[in-house]
Amino acid sequence: MSSVKLKQVYLTANDPGRLAEFYEGLGLKVRFADPGKWIQFVSDAAAFCVAGPTESVSDQLQDAVLVFDVDDLDAAMERATAMGAQVGAVRDMESHGRAVKVRDPGGNVIQFYQAAG
């Protein structure tokens, strides 16, 4: 059996540059850009997961959810809101940490996660 590895995940937007500005504003760094077509961000290794409906913040079972690890959940929520995102209620997972559902300015559902410290 041949091996498979996840290369990347991307969002589709009518105005990719505008949506990329949101993610740059959150602190992501651009690795490559073809203006108006494709903006790739620098990323550390990430896990690929499958979640049940009770664990997912997705609105539909078929949607992918990007989860961003943040050092300060409250600051990330404030920054996202200031840039036009809709931020939901924080979910406290006690010893695991805290998470919040965010709808970016393009309407995509993402999640911020802060590990318990």
PDB file of N, CA and C in Angstrom:
ATOM      1  N   MET A   1       0.847  -1.174   0.000  1.00  0.00           N
ATOM      2  CA  MET A   1       0.000   0.000   0.000  1.00  0.00           C
ATOM      3  C   MET A   1       0.896   1.242   0.000  1.00  0.00           C
ATOM      4  N   SER A   2       0.588   2.205  -0.863  1.00  0.00           N
ATOM      5  CA  SER A   2       1.369   3.438  -0.900  1.00  0.00           C
ATOM      6  C   SER A   2       0.961   4.350   0.247  1.00  0.00           C
ATOM      7  N   SER A   3       1.868   5.225   0.644  1.00  0.00           N
ATOM      8  CA  SER A   3       1.572   6.129   1.765  1.00  0.00           C
ATOM      9  C   SER A   3       0.899   7.405   1.265  1.00  0.00           C
ATOM     10  N   VAL A   4       0.162   8.027   2.143  1.00  0.00           N
ATOM     11  CA  VAL A   4      -0.536   9.270   1.850  1.00  0.00           C
ATOM     12  C   VAL A   4      -0.215  10.241   2.966  1.00  0.00           C
ATOM     13  N   LYS A   5       0.072  11.499   2.616  1.00  0.00           N
ATOM     14  CA  LYS A   5       0.265  12.504   3.653  1.00  0.00           C
ATOM     15  C   LYS A   5      -0.495  13.764   3.265  1.00  0.00           C
ATOM     16  N   LEU A   6      -1.039  14.413   4.255  1.00  0.00           N
ATOM     17  CA  LEU A   6      -1.788  15.637   4.033  1.00  0.00           C
ATOM     18  C   LEU A   6      -0.815  16.744   3.664  1.00  0.00           C
ATOM     19  N   LYS A   7      -1.023  17.370   2.520  1.00  0.00           N
ATOM     20  CA  LYS A   7      -0.134  18.426   2.052  1.00  0.00           C
ATOM     21  C   LYS A   7      -0.617  19.791   2.502  1.00  0.00           C
ATOM     22  N   GLN A   8      -1.900  20.073   2.316  1.00  0.00           N
ATOM     23  CA  GLN A   8      -2.423  21.380   2.680  1.00  0.00           C
ATOM     24  C   GLN A   8      -3.937  21.351   2.741  1.00  0.00           C
ATOM     25  N   VAL A   9      -4.483  22.359   3.367  1.00  0.00           N
ATOM     26  CA  VAL A   9      -5.922  22.582   3.421  1.00  0.00           C
ATOM     27  C   VAL A   9      -6.119  24.018   2.972  1.00  0.00           C
ATOM     28  N   TYR A  10      -7.146  24.284   2.156  1.00  0.00           N
ATOM     29  CA  TYR A  10      -7.354  25.662   1.739  1.00  0.00           C
ATOM     30  C   TYR A  10      -8.827  26.023   1.772  1.00  0.00           C
ATOM     31  N   LEU A  11      -9.073  27.310   1.907  1.00  0.00           N
ATOM     32  CA  LEU A  11     -10.421  27.865   1.867  1.00  0.00           C
ATOM     33  C   LEU A  11     -10.624  28.502   0.507  1.00  0.00           C
ATOM     34  N   THR A  12     -11.836  28.478  -0.006  1.00  0.00           N
ATOM     35  CA  THR A  12     -12.169  29.131  -1.265  1.00  0.00           C
ATOM     36  C   THR A  12     -12.904  30.422  -0.947  1.00  0.00           C
ATOM     37  N   ALA A  13     -12.480  31.508  -1.602  1.00  0.00           N
ATOM     38  CA  ALA A  13     -13.090  32.815  -1.346  1.00  0.00           C
ATOM     39  C   ALA A  13     -13.237  33.578  -2.653  1.00  0.00           C
ATOM     40  N   ASN A  14     -14.300  34.367  -2.771  1.00  0.00           N
ATOM     41  CA  ASN A  14     -14.478  35.220  -3.943  1.00  0.00           C
ATOM     42  C   ASN A  14     -13.384  36.281  -4.025  1.00  0.00           C
ATOM     43  N   ASP A  15     -12.895  36.744  -2.876  1.00  0.00           N
ATOM     44  CA  ASP A  15     -11.824  37.730  -2.818  1.00  0.00           C
ATOM     45  C   ASP A  15     -10.724  37.175  -1.914  1.00  0.00           C
ATOM     46  N   PRO A  16      -9.833  36.314  -2.467  1.00  0.00           N
ATOM     47  CA  PRO A  16      -8.827  35.665  -1.641  1.00  0.00           C
ATOM     48  C   PRO A  16      -7.894  36.655  -0.929  1.00  0.00           C
ATOM     49  N   GLY A  17      -7.576  37.751  -1.575  1.00  0.00           N
ATOM     50  CA  GLY A  17      -6.703  38.737  -0.950  1.00  0.00           C
ATOM     51  C   GLY A  17      -7.301  39.331   0.301  1.00  0.00           C
ATOM     52  N   ARG A  18      -8.571  39.650   0.243  1.00  0.00           N
ATOM     53  CA  ARG A  18      -9.253  40.233   1.409  1.00  0.00           C
ATOM     54  C   ARG A  18      -9.320  39.232   2.556  1.00  0.00           C
ATOM     55  N   LEU A  19      -9.656  37.980   2.247  1.00  0.00           N
ATOM     56  CA  LEU A  19      -9.713  36.974   3.298  1.00  0.00           C
ATOM     57  C   LEU A  19      -8.316  36.702   3.859  1.00  0.00           C
ATOM     58  N   ALA A  20      -7.307  36.707   3.000  1.00  0.00           N
ATOM     59  CA  ALA A  20      -5.929  36.508   3.464  1.00  0.00           C
ATOM     60  C   ALA A  20      -5.515  37.610   4.433  1.00  0.00           C
ATOM     61  N   GLU A  21      -5.993  38.835   4.213  1.00  0.00           N
ATOM     62  CA  GLU A  21      -5.686  39.937   5.132  1.00  0.00           C
ATOM     63  C   GLU A  21      -6.186  39.623   6.538  1.00  0.00           C
ATOM     64  N   PHE A  22      -7.340  38.983   6.641  1.00  0.00           N
ATOM     65  CA  PHE A  22      -7.873  38.583   7.943  1.00  0.00           C
ATOM     66  C   PHE A  22      -6.894  37.638   8.639  1.00  0.00           C
ATOM     67  N   TYR A  23      -6.446  36.609   7.938  1.00  0.00           N
ATOM     68  CA  TYR A  23      -5.547  35.630   8.540  1.00  0.00           C
ATOM     69  C   TYR A  23      -4.167  36.221   8.827  1.00  0.00           C
ATOM     70  N   GLU A  24      -3.700  37.121   7.974  1.00  0.00           N
ATOM     71  CA  GLU A  24      -2.458  37.844   8.287  1.00  0.00           C
ATOM     72  C   GLU A  24      -2.640  38.667   9.555  1.00  0.00           C
ATOM     73  N   GLY A  25      -3.801  39.281   9.706  1.00  0.00           N
ATOM     74  CA  GLY A  25      -4.100  40.072  10.889  1.00  0.00           C
ATOM     75  C   GLY A  25      -4.127  39.255  12.163  1.00  0.00           C
ATOM     76  N   LEU A  26      -4.405  37.959  12.039  1.00  0.00           N
ATOM     77  CA  LEU A  26      -4.364  37.070  13.204  1.00  0.00           C
ATOM     78  C   LEU A  26      -2.936  36.688  13.566  1.00  0.00           C
ATOM     79  N   GLY A  27      -1.991  36.966  12.654  1.00  0.00           N
ATOM     80  CA  GLY A  27      -0.592  36.667  12.933  1.00  0.00           C
ATOM     81  C   GLY A  27       0.043  35.612  12.058  1.00  0.00           C
ATOM     82  N   LEU A  28      -0.708  35.065  11.077  1.00  0.00           N
ATOM     83  CA  LEU A  28      -0.103  34.091  10.165  1.00  0.00           C
ATOM     84  C   LEU A  28       0.812  34.807   9.180  1.00  0.00           C
ATOM     85  N   LYS A  29       1.867  34.141   8.784  1.00  0.00           N
ATOM     86  CA  LYS A  29       2.840  34.703   7.839  1.00  0.00           C
ATOM     87  C   LYS A  29       2.636  34.106   6.447  1.00  0.00           C
ATOM     88  N   VAL A  30       2.696  34.954   5.423  1.00  0.00           N
ATOM     89  CA  VAL A  30       2.542  34.504   4.038  1.00  0.00           C
ATOM     90  C   VAL A  30       3.835  33.849   3.563  1.00  0.00           C
ATOM     91  N   ARG A  31       3.707  32.664   2.981  1.00  0.00           N
ATOM     92  CA  ARG A  31       4.850  31.964   2.396  1.00  0.00           C
ATOM     93  C   ARG A  31       4.944  32.299   0.898  1.00  0.00           C
ATOM     94  N   PHE A  32       3.787  32.337   0.221  1.00  0.00           N
ATOM     95  CA  PHE A  32       3.749  32.561  -1.219  1.00  0.00           C
ATOM     96  C   PHE A  32       2.417  33.212  -1.569  1.00  0.00           C
ATOM     97  N   ALA A  33       2.454  34.119  -2.529  1.00  0.00           N
ATOM     98  CA  ALA A  33       1.198  34.738  -2.967  1.00  0.00           C
ATOM     99  C   ALA A  33       1.198  34.947  -4.475  1.00  0.00           C
ATOM    100  N   ASP A  34       0.114  34.561  -5.101  1.00  0.00           N
ATOM    101  CA  ASP A  34      -0.189  34.879  -6.490  1.00  0.00           C
ATOM    102  C   ASP A  34      -1.443  35.749  -6.384  1.00  0.00           C
ATOM    103  N   PRO A  35      -1.263  37.073  -6.327  1.00  0.00           N
ATOM    104  CA  PRO A  35      -2.365  37.993  -5.996  1.00  0.00           C
ATOM    105  C   PRO A  35      -3.665  37.691  -6.740  1.00  0.00           C
ATOM    106  N   GLY A  36      -4.743  37.654  -5.943  1.00  0.00           N
ATOM    107  CA  GLY A  36      -6.070  37.401  -6.494  1.00  0.00           C
ATOM    108  C   GLY A  36      -6.386  35.952  -6.768  1.00  0.00           C
ATOM    109  N   LYS A  37      -5.386  35.069  -6.603  1.00  0.00           N
ATOM    110  CA  LYS A  37      -5.598  33.654  -6.929  1.00  0.00           C
ATOM    111  C   LYS A  37      -5.292  32.708  -5.768  1.00  0.00           C
ATOM    112  N   TRP A  38      -4.147  32.898  -5.125  1.00  0.00           N
ATOM    113  CA  TRP A  38      -3.678  31.903  -4.157  1.00  0.00           C
ATOM    114  C   TRP A  38      -2.747  32.569  -3.166  1.00  0.00           C
ATOM    115  N   ILE A  39      -3.013  32.392  -1.889  1.00  0.00           N
ATOM    116  CA  ILE A  39      -2.136  32.888  -0.842  1.00  0.00           C
ATOM    117  C   ILE A  39      -1.877  31.719   0.087  1.00  0.00           C
ATOM    118  N   GLN A  40      -0.614  31.355   0.229  1.00  0.00           N
ATOM    119  CA  GLN A  40      -0.242  30.229   1.083  1.00  0.00           C
ATOM    120  C   GLN A  40       0.465  30.767   2.318  1.00  0.00           C
ATOM    121  N   PHE A  41       0.074  30.257   3.476  1.00  0.00           N
ATOM    122  CA  PHE A  41       0.664  30.696   4.736  1.00  0.00           C
ATOM    123  C   PHE A  41       1.664  29.670   5.247  1.00  0.00           C
ATOM    124  N   VAL A  42       2.636  30.139   6.009  1.00  0.00           N
ATOM    125  CA  VAL A  42       3.595  29.278   6.679  1.00  0.00           C
ATOM    126  C   VAL A  42       2.847  28.540   7.786  1.00  0.00           C
ATOM    127  N   SER A  43       3.127  27.254   7.953  1.00  0.00           N
ATOM    128  CA  SER A  43       2.449  26.489   8.993  1.00  0.00           C
ATOM    129  C   SER A  43       3.384  25.436   9.555  1.00  0.00           C
ATOM    130  N   ASP A  44       3.287  25.234  10.854  1.00  0.00           N
ATOM    131  CA  ASP A  44       3.978  24.111  11.480  1.00  0.00           C
ATOM    132  C   ASP A  44       3.187  22.851  11.173  1.00  0.00           C
ATOM    133  N   ALA A  45       3.743  21.723  11.497  1.00  0.00           N
ATOM    134  CA  ALA A  45       3.021  20.462  11.290  1.00  0.00           C
ATOM    135  C   ALA A  45       1.685  20.506  12.026  1.00  0.00           C
ATOM    136  N   ALA A  46       0.669  19.961  11.420  1.00  0.00           N
ATOM    137  CA  ALA A  46      -0.666  19.961  12.010  1.00  0.00           C
ATOM    138  C   ALA A  46      -1.229  18.549  11.962  1.00  0.00           C
ATOM    139  N   ALA A  47      -2.175  18.282  12.837  1.00  0.00           N
ATOM    140  CA  ALA A  47      -2.827  16.976  12.872  1.00  0.00           C
ATOM    141  C   ALA A  47      -4.055  16.990  11.969  1.00  0.00           C
ATOM    142  N   PHE A  48      -4.361  15.858  11.385  1.00  0.00           N
ATOM    143  CA  PHE A  48      -5.602  15.667  10.637  1.00  0.00           C
ATOM    144  C   PHE A  48      -6.514  14.840  11.530  1.00  0.00           C
ATOM    145  N   CYS A  49      -7.738  15.293  11.723  1.00  0.00           N
ATOM    146  CA  CYS A  49      -8.658  14.646  12.662  1.00  0.00           C
ATOM    147  C   CYS A  49     -10.020  14.427  12.024  1.00  0.00           C
ATOM    148  N   VAL A  50     -10.780  13.525  12.588  1.00  0.00           N
ATOM    149  CA  VAL A  50     -12.172  13.314  12.233  1.00  0.00           C
ATOM    150  C   VAL A  50     -12.965  13.433  13.529  1.00  0.00           C
ATOM    151  N   ALA A  51     -13.997  14.300  13.533  1.00  0.00           N
ATOM    152  CA  ALA A  51     -14.759  14.569  14.757  1.00  0.00           C
ATOM    153  C   ALA A  51     -16.217  14.191  14.593  1.00  0.00           C
ATOM    154  N   GLY A  52     -16.830  13.782  15.682  1.00  0.00           N
ATOM    155  CA  GLY A  52     -18.262  13.526  15.704  1.00  0.00           C
ATOM    156  C   GLY A  52     -19.014  14.839  15.847  1.00  0.00           C
ATOM    157  N   PRO A  53     -20.296  14.841  15.570  1.00  0.00           N
ATOM    158  CA  PRO A  53     -21.094  16.068  15.613  1.00  0.00           C
ATOM    159  C   PRO A  53     -21.047  16.805  16.949  1.00  0.00           C
ATOM    160  N   THR A  54     -20.907  16.093  18.058  1.00  0.00           N
ATOM    161  CA  THR A  54     -20.885  16.776  19.356  1.00  0.00           C
ATOM    162  C   THR A  54     -19.559  17.470  19.638  1.00  0.00           C
ATOM    163  N   GLU A  55     -18.516  17.123  18.930  1.00  0.00           N
ATOM    164  CA  GLU A  55     -17.204  17.751  19.122  1.00  0.00           C
ATOM    165  C   GLU A  55     -16.911  18.819  18.079  1.00  0.00           C
ATOM    166  N   SER A  56     -17.640  18.828  16.981  1.00  0.00           N
ATOM    167  CA  SER A  56     -17.363  19.719  15.866  1.00  0.00           C
ATOM    168  C   SER A  56     -18.114  21.042  15.995  1.00  0.00           C
ATOM    169  N   VAL A  57     -17.486  22.123  15.504  1.00  0.00           N
ATOM    170  CA  VAL A  57     -18.170  23.414  15.428  1.00  0.00           C
ATOM    171  C   VAL A  57     -18.707  23.653  14.023  1.00  0.00           C
ATOM    172  N   SER A  58     -18.565  22.680  13.137  1.00  0.00           N
ATOM    173  CA  SER A  58     -19.034  22.787  11.765  1.00  0.00           C
ATOM    174  C   SER A  58     -20.550  22.905  11.710  1.00  0.00           C
ATOM    175  N   ASP A  59     -21.033  23.669  10.748  1.00  0.00           N
ATOM    176  CA  ASP A  59     -22.469  23.794  10.546  1.00  0.00           C
ATOM    177  C   ASP A  59     -23.037  22.626   9.743  1.00  0.00           C
ATOM    178  N   GLN A  60     -22.182  21.945   8.997  1.00  0.00           N
ATOM    179  CA  GLN A  60     -22.598  20.806   8.182  1.00  0.00           C
ATOM    180  C   GLN A  60     -21.604  19.687   8.411  1.00  0.00           C
ATOM    181  N   LEU A  61     -22.068  18.475   8.331  1.00  0.00           N
ATOM    182  CA  LEU A  61     -21.172  17.353   8.584  1.00  0.00           C
ATOM    183  C   LEU A  61     -20.047  17.244   7.555  1.00  0.00           C
ATOM    184  N   GLN A  62     -20.201  17.868   6.387  1.00  0.00           N
ATOM    185  CA  GLN A  62     -19.182  17.750   5.353  1.00  0.00           C
ATOM    186  C   GLN A  62     -18.118  18.847   5.416  1.00  0.00           C
ATOM    187  N   ASP A  63     -18.300  19.876   6.225  1.00  0.00           N
ATOM    188  CA  ASP A  63     -17.355  20.987   6.265  1.00  0.00           C
ATOM    189  C   ASP A  63     -16.073  20.624   7.011  1.00  0.00           C
ATOM    190  N   ALA A  64     -14.962  21.156   6.544  1.00  0.00           N
ATOM    191  CA  ALA A  64     -13.705  21.068   7.279  1.00  0.00           C
ATOM    192  C   ALA A  64     -13.636  22.265   8.214  1.00  0.00           C
ATOM    193  N   VAL A  65     -13.010  22.099   9.368  1.00  0.00           N
ATOM    194  CA  VAL A  65     -12.837  23.181  10.318  1.00  0.00           C
ATOM    195  C   VAL A  65     -11.343  23.339  10.585  1.00  0.00           C
ATOM    196  N   LEU A  66     -10.822  24.532  10.349  1.00  0.00           N
ATOM    197  CA  LEU A  66      -9.431  24.824  10.663  1.00  0.00           C
ATOM    198  C   LEU A  66      -9.359  25.235  12.127  1.00  0.00           C
ATOM    199  N   VAL A  67      -8.471  24.614  12.871  1.00  0.00           N
ATOM    200  CA  VAL A  67      -8.311  24.926  14.289  1.00  0.00           C
ATOM    201  C   VAL A  67      -6.954  25.594  14.469  1.00  0.00           C
ATOM    202  N   PHE A  68      -6.978  26.786  15.059  1.00  0.00           N
ATOM    203  CA  PHE A  68      -5.758  27.554  15.285  1.00  0.00           C
ATOM    204  C   PHE A  68      -5.410  27.541  16.762  1.00  0.00           C
ATOM    205  N   ASP A  69      -4.203  27.104  17.067  1.00  0.00           N
ATOM    206  CA  ASP A  69      -3.667  27.104  18.420  1.00  0.00           C
ATOM    207  C   ASP A  69      -3.262  28.536  18.759  1.00  0.00           C
ATOM    208  N   VAL A  70      -3.790  29.101  19.837  1.00  0.00           N
ATOM    209  CA  VAL A  70      -3.467  30.476  20.224  1.00  0.00           C
ATOM    210  C   VAL A  70      -2.937  30.495  21.652  1.00  0.00           C
ATOM    211  N   ASP A  71      -2.058  31.453  21.931  1.00  0.00           N
ATOM    212  CA  ASP A  71      -1.511  31.608  23.277  1.00  0.00           C
ATOM    213  C   ASP A  71      -2.495  32.298  24.209  1.00  0.00           C
ATOM    214  N   ASP A  72      -3.286  33.223  23.664  1.00  0.00           N
ATOM    215  CA  ASP A  72      -4.220  34.020  24.458  1.00  0.00           C
ATOM    216  C   ASP A  72      -5.556  34.044  23.734  1.00  0.00           C
ATOM    217  N   LEU A  73      -6.479  33.198  24.176  1.00  0.00           N
ATOM    218  CA  LEU A  73      -7.766  33.057  23.502  1.00  0.00           C
ATOM    219  C   LEU A  73      -8.540  34.368  23.491  1.00  0.00           C
ATOM    220  N   ASP A  74      -8.565  35.069  24.612  1.00  0.00           N
ATOM    221  CA  ASP A  74      -9.322  36.317  24.686  1.00  0.00           C
ATOM    222  C   ASP A  74      -8.781  37.362  23.711  1.00  0.00           C
ATOM    223  N   ALA A  75      -7.463  37.472  23.618  1.00  0.00           N
ATOM    224  CA  ALA A  75      -6.852  38.429  22.689  1.00  0.00           C
ATOM    225  C   ALA A  75      -7.138  38.041  21.237  1.00  0.00           C
ATOM    226  N   ALA A  76      -7.088  36.741  20.935  1.00  0.00           N
ATOM    227  CA  ALA A  76      -7.374  36.279  19.571  1.00  0.00           C
ATOM    228  C   ALA A  76      -8.825  36.576  19.204  1.00  0.00           C
ATOM    229  N   MET A  77      -9.734  36.405  20.150  1.00  0.00           N
ATOM    230  CA  MET A  77     -11.145  36.692  19.911  1.00  0.00           C
ATOM    231  C   MET A  77     -11.351  38.176  19.648  1.00  0.00           C
ATOM    232  N   GLU A  78     -10.716  39.019  20.434  1.00  0.00           N
ATOM    233  CA  GLU A  78     -10.825  40.469  20.247  1.00  0.00           C
ATOM    234  C   GLU A  78     -10.281  40.889  18.892  1.00  0.00           C
ATOM    235  N   ARG A  79      -9.117  40.357  18.531  1.00  0.00           N
ATOM    236  CA  ARG A  79      -8.483  40.694  17.250  1.00  0.00           C
ATOM    237  C   ARG A  79      -9.371  40.247  16.085  1.00  0.00           C
ATOM    238  N   ALA A  80      -9.920  39.037  16.165  1.00  0.00           N
ATOM    239  CA  ALA A  80     -10.776  38.515  15.100  1.00  0.00           C
ATOM    240  C   ALA A  80     -12.049  39.352  14.965  1.00  0.00           C
ATOM    241  N   THR A  81     -12.646  39.710  16.070  1.00  0.00           N
ATOM    242  CA  THR A  81     -13.860  40.531  16.057  1.00  0.00           C
ATOM    243  C   THR A  81     -13.584  41.892  15.433  1.00  0.00           C
ATOM    244  N   ALA A  82     -12.461  42.483  15.791  1.00  0.00           N
ATOM    245  CA  ALA A  82     -12.087  43.795  15.245  1.00  0.00           C
ATOM    246  C   ALA A  82     -11.888  43.748  13.733  1.00  0.00           C
ATOM    247  N   MET A  83     -11.555  42.562  13.206  1.00  0.00           N
ATOM    248  CA  MET A  83     -11.329  42.406  11.775  1.00  0.00           C
ATOM    249  C   MET A  83     -12.552  41.851  11.048  1.00  0.00           C
ATOM    250  N   GLY A  84     -13.713  41.841  11.712  1.00  0.00           N
ATOM    251  CA  GLY A  84     -14.949  41.475  11.035  1.00  0.00           C
ATOM    252  C   GLY A  84     -15.438  40.059  11.223  1.00  0.00           C
ATOM    253  N   ALA A  85     -14.804  39.286  12.091  1.00  0.00           N
ATOM    254  CA  ALA A  85     -15.253  37.915  12.335  1.00  0.00           C
ATOM    255  C   ALA A  85     -16.394  37.902  13.352  1.00  0.00           C
ATOM    256  N   GLN A  86     -17.190  36.842  13.296  1.00  0.00           N
ATOM    257  CA  GLN A  86     -18.223  36.606  14.300  1.00  0.00           C
ATOM    258  C   GLN A  86     -17.699  35.539  15.250  1.00  0.00           C
ATOM    259  N   VAL A  87     -17.661  35.871  16.535  1.00  0.00           N
ATOM    260  CA  VAL A  87     -17.082  34.975  17.537  1.00  0.00           C
ATOM    261  C   VAL A  87     -18.183  34.445  18.444  1.00  0.00           C
ATOM    262  N   GLY A  88     -18.187  33.138  18.641  1.00  0.00           N
ATOM    263  CA  GLY A  88     -19.195  32.507  19.482  1.00  0.00           C
ATOM    264  C   GLY A  88     -18.812  32.488  20.950  1.00  0.00           C
ATOM    265  N   ALA A  89     -19.497  31.658  21.708  1.00  0.00           N
ATOM    266  CA  ALA A  89     -19.241  31.515  23.136  1.00  0.00           C
ATOM    267  C   ALA A  89     -18.064  30.563  23.358  1.00  0.00           C
ATOM    268  N   VAL A  90     -17.280  30.859  24.365  1.00  0.00           N
ATOM    269  CA  VAL A  90     -16.120  30.030  24.700  1.00  0.00           C
ATOM    270  C   VAL A  90     -16.588  28.721  25.324  1.00  0.00           C
ATOM    271  N   ARG A  91     -15.977  27.642  24.886  1.00  0.00           N
ATOM    272  CA  ARG A  91     -16.238  26.319  25.462  1.00  0.00           C
ATOM    273  C   ARG A  91     -15.067  25.973  26.370  1.00  0.00           C
ATOM    274  N   ASP A  92     -15.327  25.830  27.645  1.00  0.00           N
ATOM    275  CA  ASP A  92     -14.291  25.485  28.625  1.00  0.00           C
ATOM    276  C   ASP A  92     -14.231  23.964  28.737  1.00  0.00           C
ATOM    277  N   MET A  93     -13.098  23.397  28.368  1.00  0.00           N
ATOM    278  CA  MET A  93     -12.925  21.949  28.400  1.00  0.00           C
ATOM    279  C   MET A  93     -12.036  21.539  29.572  1.00  0.00           C
ATOM    280  N   GLU A  94     -12.037  22.378  30.600  1.00  0.00           N
ATOM    281  CA  GLU A  94     -11.313  22.159  31.849  1.00  0.00           C
ATOM    282  C   GLU A  94      -9.842  21.850  31.616  1.00  0.00           C
ATOM    283  N   SER A  95      -9.380  20.649  31.934  1.00  0.00           N
ATOM    284  CA  SER A  95      -7.944  20.351  31.865  1.00  0.00           C
ATOM    285  C   SER A  95      -7.408  20.308  30.430  1.00  0.00           C
ATOM    286  N   HIS A  96      -8.301  20.270  29.437  1.00  0.00           N
ATOM    287  CA  HIS A  96      -7.858  20.271  28.035  1.00  0.00           C
ATOM    288  C   HIS A  96      -7.588  21.679  27.523  1.00  0.00           C
ATOM    289  N   GLY A  97      -8.340  22.652  28.012  1.00  0.00           N
ATOM    290  CA  GLY A  97      -8.183  24.027  27.542  1.00  0.00           C
ATOM    291  C   GLY A  97      -9.526  24.651  27.209  1.00  0.00           C
ATOM    292  N   ARG A  98      -9.471  25.713  26.402  1.00  0.00           N
ATOM    293  CA  ARG A  98     -10.685  26.422  25.998  1.00  0.00           C
ATOM    294  C   ARG A  98     -10.685  26.574  24.484  1.00  0.00           C
ATOM    295  N   ALA A  99     -11.883  26.600  23.901  1.00  0.00           N
ATOM    296  CA  ALA A  99     -12.019  26.737  22.452  1.00  0.00           C
ATOM    297  C   ALA A  99     -13.206  27.632  22.148  1.00  0.00           C
ATOM    298  N   VAL A 100     -13.186  28.216  20.942  1.00  0.00           N
ATOM    299  CA  VAL A 100     -14.296  29.069  20.528  1.00  0.00           C
ATOM    300  C   VAL A 100     -14.497  28.929  19.017  1.00  0.00           C
ATOM    301  N   LYS A 101     -15.756  28.892  18.621  1.00  0.00           N
ATOM    302  CA  LYS A 101     -16.126  28.869  17.206  1.00  0.00           C
ATOM    303  C   LYS A 101     -16.078  30.293  16.666  1.00  0.00           C
ATOM    304  N   VAL A 102     -15.461  30.450  15.508  1.00  0.00           N
ATOM    305  CA  VAL A 102     -15.331  31.752  14.858  1.00  0.00           C
ATOM    306  C   VAL A 102     -15.779  31.608  13.409  1.00  0.00           C
ATOM    307  N   ARG A 103     -16.531  32.579  12.932  1.00  0.00           N
ATOM    308  CA  ARG A 103     -16.880  32.632  11.510  1.00  0.00           C
ATOM    309  C   ARG A 103     -16.063  33.774  10.924  1.00  0.00           C
ATOM    310  N   ASP A 104     -15.123  33.439  10.026  1.00  0.00           N
ATOM    311  CA  ASP A 104     -14.249  34.469   9.456  1.00  0.00           C
ATOM    312  C   ASP A 104     -15.051  35.402   8.540  1.00  0.00           C
ATOM    313  N   PRO A 105     -14.457  36.507   8.072  1.00  0.00           N
ATOM    314  CA  PRO A 105     -15.199  37.447   7.230  1.00  0.00           C
ATOM    315  C   PRO A 105     -15.731  36.841   5.929  1.00  0.00           C
ATOM    316  N   GLY A 106     -15.178  35.709   5.497  1.00  0.00           N
ATOM    317  CA  GLY A 106     -15.670  35.026   4.303  1.00  0.00           C
ATOM    318  C   GLY A 106     -16.785  34.042   4.604  1.00  0.00           C
ATOM    319  N   GLY A 107     -17.140  33.892   5.877  1.00  0.00           N
ATOM    320  CA  GLY A 107     -18.210  32.981   6.265  1.00  0.00           C
ATOM    321  C   GLY A 107     -17.750  31.587   6.644  1.00  0.00           C
ATOM    322  N   ASN A 108     -16.450  31.329   6.595  1.00  0.00           N
ATOM    323  CA  ASN A 108     -15.922  30.002   6.951  1.00  0.00           C
ATOM    324  C   ASN A 108     -15.913  29.817   8.453  1.00  0.00           C
ATOM    325  N   VAL A 109     -16.250  28.615   8.902  1.00  0.00           N
ATOM    326  CA  VAL A 109     -16.193  28.297  10.322  1.00  0.00           C
ATOM    327  C   VAL A 109     -14.787  27.792  10.651  1.00  0.00           C
ATOM    328  N   ILE A 110     -14.160  28.462  11.617  1.00  0.00           N
ATOM    329  CA  ILE A 110     -12.852  28.058  12.118  1.00  0.00           C
ATOM    330  C   ILE A 110     -12.969  27.963  13.632  1.00  0.00           C
ATOM    331  N   GLN A 111     -11.898  27.566  14.282  1.00  0.00           N
ATOM    332  CA  GLN A 111     -11.917  27.475  15.736  1.00  0.00           C
ATOM    333  C   GLN A 111     -10.567  27.923  16.286  1.00  0.00           C
ATOM    334  N   PHE A 112     -10.601  28.647  17.388  1.00  0.00           N
ATOM    335  CA  PHE A 112      -9.403  28.994  18.140  1.00  0.00           C
ATOM    336  C   PHE A 112      -9.362  28.070  19.355  1.00  0.00           C
ATOM    337  N   TYR A 113      -8.157  27.602  19.690  1.00  0.00           N
ATOM    338  CA  TYR A 113      -7.969  26.717  20.827  1.00  0.00           C
ATOM    339  C   TYR A 113      -6.792  27.203  21.647  1.00  0.00           C
ATOM    340  N   GLN A 114      -6.999  27.298  22.963  1.00  0.00           N
ATOM    341  CA  GLN A 114      -5.919  27.618  23.888  1.00  0.00           C
ATOM    342  C   GLN A 114      -5.797  26.464  24.879  1.00  0.00           C
ATOM    343  N   ALA A 115      -4.621  25.843  24.918  1.00  0.00           N
ATOM    344  CA  ALA A 115      -4.392  24.738  25.845  1.00  0.00           C
ATOM    345  C   ALA A 115      -4.453  25.233  27.283  1.00  0.00           C
ATOM    346  N   ALA A 116      -4.850  24.350  28.172  1.00  0.00           N
ATOM    347  CA  ALA A 116      -4.867  24.692  29.596  1.00  0.00           C
ATOM    348  C   ALA A 116      -3.431  24.945  30.039  1.00  0.00           C
ATOM    349  N   GLY A 117      -3.269  25.936  30.850  1.00  0.00           N
ATOM    350  CA  GLY A 117      -1.902  26.291  31.227  1.00  0.00           C
ATOM    351  C   GLY A 117      -1.666  26.143  32.642  1.00  0.00           C
TER     352      GLY A 117
END
